[in-house]
Amino acid sequence: MGSWSVWRMARVVTSLFVLMVAANYLVVGFDNITNPTNPNASNWPFVQGVISGDGVPADSGFEWRFIDATWFQAIS
């Protein structure tokens, strides 16, 4: 196999890192789709809180961006 340069090794490590992050997102996304309402098995409460704007001050001016419709949160 020859000697590997630092740049080739950096590309391999970066590629492996990107693949691991993509696999993590794939697992989380699959879990959210197949089991969206079980708060012990998914991050659905977190996603619902982000979309509905929990934790953002009421006078911040961003209220128009929040989605309170549960049916729309489920498909997004």
Foldseek 3Di string as FASTA:
>chain_A
DDDDDPVNVVVVVVVVVVVVVVVVVVVLVVCCLVPVPDVVRHVNVVLLCVQQVPPDDPPPPCNVRHDPDPVVSSVD
